[in-house]
Amino acid sequence: MSQQIYAKLKKSSKYYGQTEPGERFAVHIAHQGEWEYVVQGNNNNYRLADVNLFVMNDEGVELRIA
């Protein structure tokens, strides 16, 4: 079983403002380079440092994973 991963842009990110404040959007994590990963979603690529990652439980509550 897999779960959809969601992200919210951090206020500290230079990309903050590309979504409504606190807006959650679906993402997936892609390998980029030898030891780097990128978060892809909202028609953009983000660094892990730019987002908080979540999954949703069965009751619709956000569970932060990073």
Protein backbone atom coordinates (compact mmCIF):
# COMPACT_ATOMS: atom_id res chain seq x y z
CA MET A 1 0.00 0.00 0.00
CA SER A 2 1.33 3.44 -0.87
CA GLN A 3 0.23 6.86 0.29
CA GLN A 4 0.17 10.16 -1.50
CA ILE A 5 2.76 12.60 -0.19
CA TYR A 6 1.79 16.26 0.18
CA ALA A 7 3.86 19.38 0.73
CA LYS A 8 3.43 22.89 2.03
CA LEU A 9 5.93 25.61 1.25
CA LYS A 10 7.83 26.86 4.29
CA LYS A 11 7.58 30.56 5.13
CA SER A 12 11.38 30.65 4.98
CA SER A 13 11.42 29.42 1.35
CA LYS A 14 12.08 31.91 -1.42
CA TYR A 15 9.17 30.18 -3.19
CA TYR A 16 6.69 30.99 -0.43
CA GLY A 17 3.84 32.85 -2.11
CA GLN A 18 3.61 30.49 -5.10
CA THR A 19 0.63 28.96 -3.29
CA GLU A 20 -1.93 30.29 -0.86
CA PRO A 21 -0.47 30.36 2.69
CA GLY A 22 -0.67 26.86 4.15
CA GLU A 23 -1.95 25.31 0.91
CA ARG A 24 -1.18 21.61 0.62
CA PHE A 25 -0.28 20.13 -2.80
CA ALA A 26 0.48 16.61 -3.99
CA VAL A 27 4.14 15.80 -4.65
CA HIS A 28 6.51 12.99 -5.38
CA ILE A 29 10.21 12.71 -4.59
CA ALA A 30 12.61 12.25 -7.49
CA HIS A 31 16.30 11.35 -7.44
CA GLN A 32 18.48 14.08 -8.93
CA GLY A 33 22.22 13.69 -9.03
CA GLU A 34 24.26 11.22 -7.02
CA TRP A 35 23.02 12.16 -3.52
CA GLU A 36 20.32 14.74 -4.18
CA TYR A 37 16.56 14.56 -4.24
CA VAL A 38 13.96 17.00 -5.50
CA VAL A 39 10.33 17.43 -4.51
CA GLN A 40 8.16 17.67 -7.62
CA GLY A 41 4.68 19.15 -7.40
CA ASN A 42 2.63 22.29 -8.06
CA ASN A 43 4.20 22.28 -11.56
CA ASN A 44 7.60 23.01 -9.98
CA ASN A 45 10.67 21.40 -8.44
CA TYR A 46 11.57 22.24 -4.84
CA ARG A 47 14.45 21.42 -2.53
CA LEU A 48 13.59 19.43 0.57
CA ALA A 49 14.63 22.52 2.54
CA ASP A 50 11.75 24.49 0.95
CA VAL A 51 8.86 22.28 2.02
CA ASN A 52 7.26 20.41 4.90
CA LEU A 53 6.08 16.96 3.82
CA PHE A 54 2.88 15.25 4.97
CA VAL A 55 0.71 12.20 4.48
CA MET A 56 -2.96 12.11 5.42
CA ASN A 57 -4.41 9.56 7.83
CA ASP A 58 -7.80 7.92 7.35
CA GLU A 59 -9.52 10.77 9.21
CA GLY A 60 -7.96 13.40 6.93
CA VAL A 61 -5.48 14.61 9.54
CA GLU A 62 -2.05 15.71 8.29
CA LEU A 63 0.86 13.66 9.59
CA ARG A 64 4.11 15.55 9.08
CA ILE A 65 6.98 13.41 7.82
CA ALA A 66 9.65 16.06 7.25
